[in-house]
Amino acid sequence: MSVAVVAKLKVKAGTEKQIEEAFRTMVSKVRGEAGTESYVFHRSTQDPTVFVFYEVYKDQAAFEAHSKTPHFAEMGKALAGNLDGRPQVDILTELARK
């Protein structure tokens, strides 16, 4: 069964452009990952400092492989000191699909 992730990150005011560029770079690198079915990047229309990722992985192994990539580590470095609070990350197991 696939694994979905919804990650909501609030960044410090004034860092939005820098972080958006880093996130866009991350998306381009994730596109080549085996087992990653969807990796969609969003920005809140209500708060420009809030970014949301919607991710779908083929299975748990693909999700774990994603978190061990060099570009995942690079993203962590880019976010260091730029987050306004802890990210909210929900990991979901698919139950049904149309």
Protein backbone atom coordinates (compact mmCIF):
# COMPACT_ATOMS: atom_id res chain seq x y z
CA MET A 1 0.00 0.00 0.00
CA SER A 2 1.19 3.49 -0.75
CA VAL A 3 2.33 5.96 1.88
CA ALA A 4 1.25 9.61 1.71
CA VAL A 5 2.80 12.52 3.57
CA VAL A 6 1.39 15.98 4.19
CA ALA A 7 4.09 18.29 5.52
CA LYS A 8 3.29 21.85 6.58
CA LEU A 9 6.19 24.18 7.26
CA LYS A 10 6.06 27.78 8.45
CA VAL A 11 9.18 29.81 7.72
CA LYS A 12 10.37 33.02 9.30
CA ALA A 13 9.10 36.19 7.66
CA GLY A 14 11.64 37.52 5.18
CA THR A 15 12.95 34.07 4.21
CA GLU A 16 10.05 33.11 1.94
CA LYS A 17 11.85 33.64 -1.40
CA GLN A 18 15.01 31.87 -0.27
CA ILE A 19 13.10 28.88 1.06
CA GLU A 20 10.79 28.73 -1.96
CA GLU A 21 13.84 28.48 -4.23
CA ALA A 22 15.29 25.70 -2.07
CA PHE A 23 11.96 23.84 -2.15
CA ARG A 24 11.72 24.18 -5.94
CA THR A 25 15.21 22.72 -6.24
CA MET A 26 14.16 19.85 -3.97
CA VAL A 27 11.13 19.10 -6.17
CA SER A 28 13.31 18.91 -9.27
CA LYS A 29 15.63 16.42 -7.56
CA VAL A 30 12.83 14.25 -6.16
CA ARG A 31 11.29 13.75 -9.62
CA GLY A 32 13.94 11.14 -10.39
CA GLU A 33 13.45 9.07 -7.24
CA ALA A 34 12.25 5.51 -7.77
CA GLY A 35 9.05 4.81 -5.88
CA THR A 36 8.01 8.46 -5.55
CA GLU A 37 4.59 8.68 -7.19
CA SER A 38 3.78 12.30 -6.38
CA TYR A 39 5.66 15.21 -4.81
CA VAL A 40 3.63 18.41 -4.95
CA PHE A 41 4.74 21.74 -3.48
CA HIS A 42 2.21 24.37 -2.36
CA ARG A 43 2.16 27.79 -0.72
CA SER A 44 -0.69 29.00 1.45
CA THR A 45 -2.89 31.71 -0.05
CA GLN A 46 -3.68 32.94 3.47
CA ASP A 47 -0.15 33.09 4.88
CA PRO A 48 2.83 33.46 2.50
CA THR A 49 5.19 32.03 5.13
CA VAL A 50 3.41 28.64 5.07
CA PHE A 51 4.45 25.94 2.61
CA VAL A 52 2.86 22.51 2.23
CA PHE A 53 4.11 19.37 0.53
CA TYR A 54 1.85 16.52 -0.54
CA GLU A 55 3.87 13.39 -1.22
CA VAL A 56 2.93 9.86 -2.25
CA TYR A 57 5.35 6.95 -2.21
CA LYS A 58 4.84 3.47 -3.66
CA ASP A 59 5.49 1.90 -0.27
CA GLN A 60 7.24 2.38 3.07
CA ALA A 61 10.61 1.44 1.58
CA ALA A 62 10.34 4.21 -1.03
CA PHE A 63 9.41 6.72 1.69
CA GLU A 64 12.41 5.68 3.78
CA ALA A 65 14.73 5.84 0.76
CA HIS A 66 13.56 9.43 0.09
CA SER A 67 14.49 10.48 3.61
CA LYS A 68 18.03 9.14 3.13
CA THR A 69 18.87 11.02 -0.09
CA PRO A 70 21.58 13.70 -0.23
CA HIS A 71 19.03 16.29 -1.39
CA PHE A 72 16.85 15.57 1.67
CA ALA A 73 19.87 16.35 3.86
CA GLU A 74 20.56 19.51 1.82
CA MET A 75 16.99 20.65 2.41
CA GLY A 76 17.46 20.20 6.14
CA LYS A 77 20.50 22.47 6.00
CA ALA A 78 18.60 25.10 3.99
CA LEU A 79 15.81 25.11 6.57
CA ALA A 80 18.13 25.36 9.58
CA GLY A 81 17.37 28.57 11.43
CA ASN A 82 14.65 29.55 8.95
CA LEU A 83 11.65 27.72 10.39
CA ASP A 84 9.09 29.44 12.57
CA GLY A 85 8.21 26.50 14.82
CA ARG A 86 8.26 22.79 14.22
CA PRO A 87 6.96 21.36 10.94
CA GLN A 88 3.66 19.51 11.08
CA VAL A 89 4.11 16.19 9.31
CA ASP A 90 1.28 13.70 8.90
CA ILE A 91 2.12 10.27 7.52
CA LEU A 92 -0.89 8.51 6.05
CA THR A 93 -1.55 4.95 4.95
CA GLU A 94 -3.85 4.60 1.96
CA LEU A 95 -7.04 2.71 2.69
CA ALA A 96 -8.96 2.96 -0.59
CA ARG A 97 -8.66 4.49 -4.07
CA LYS A 98 -11.09 5.12 -6.88
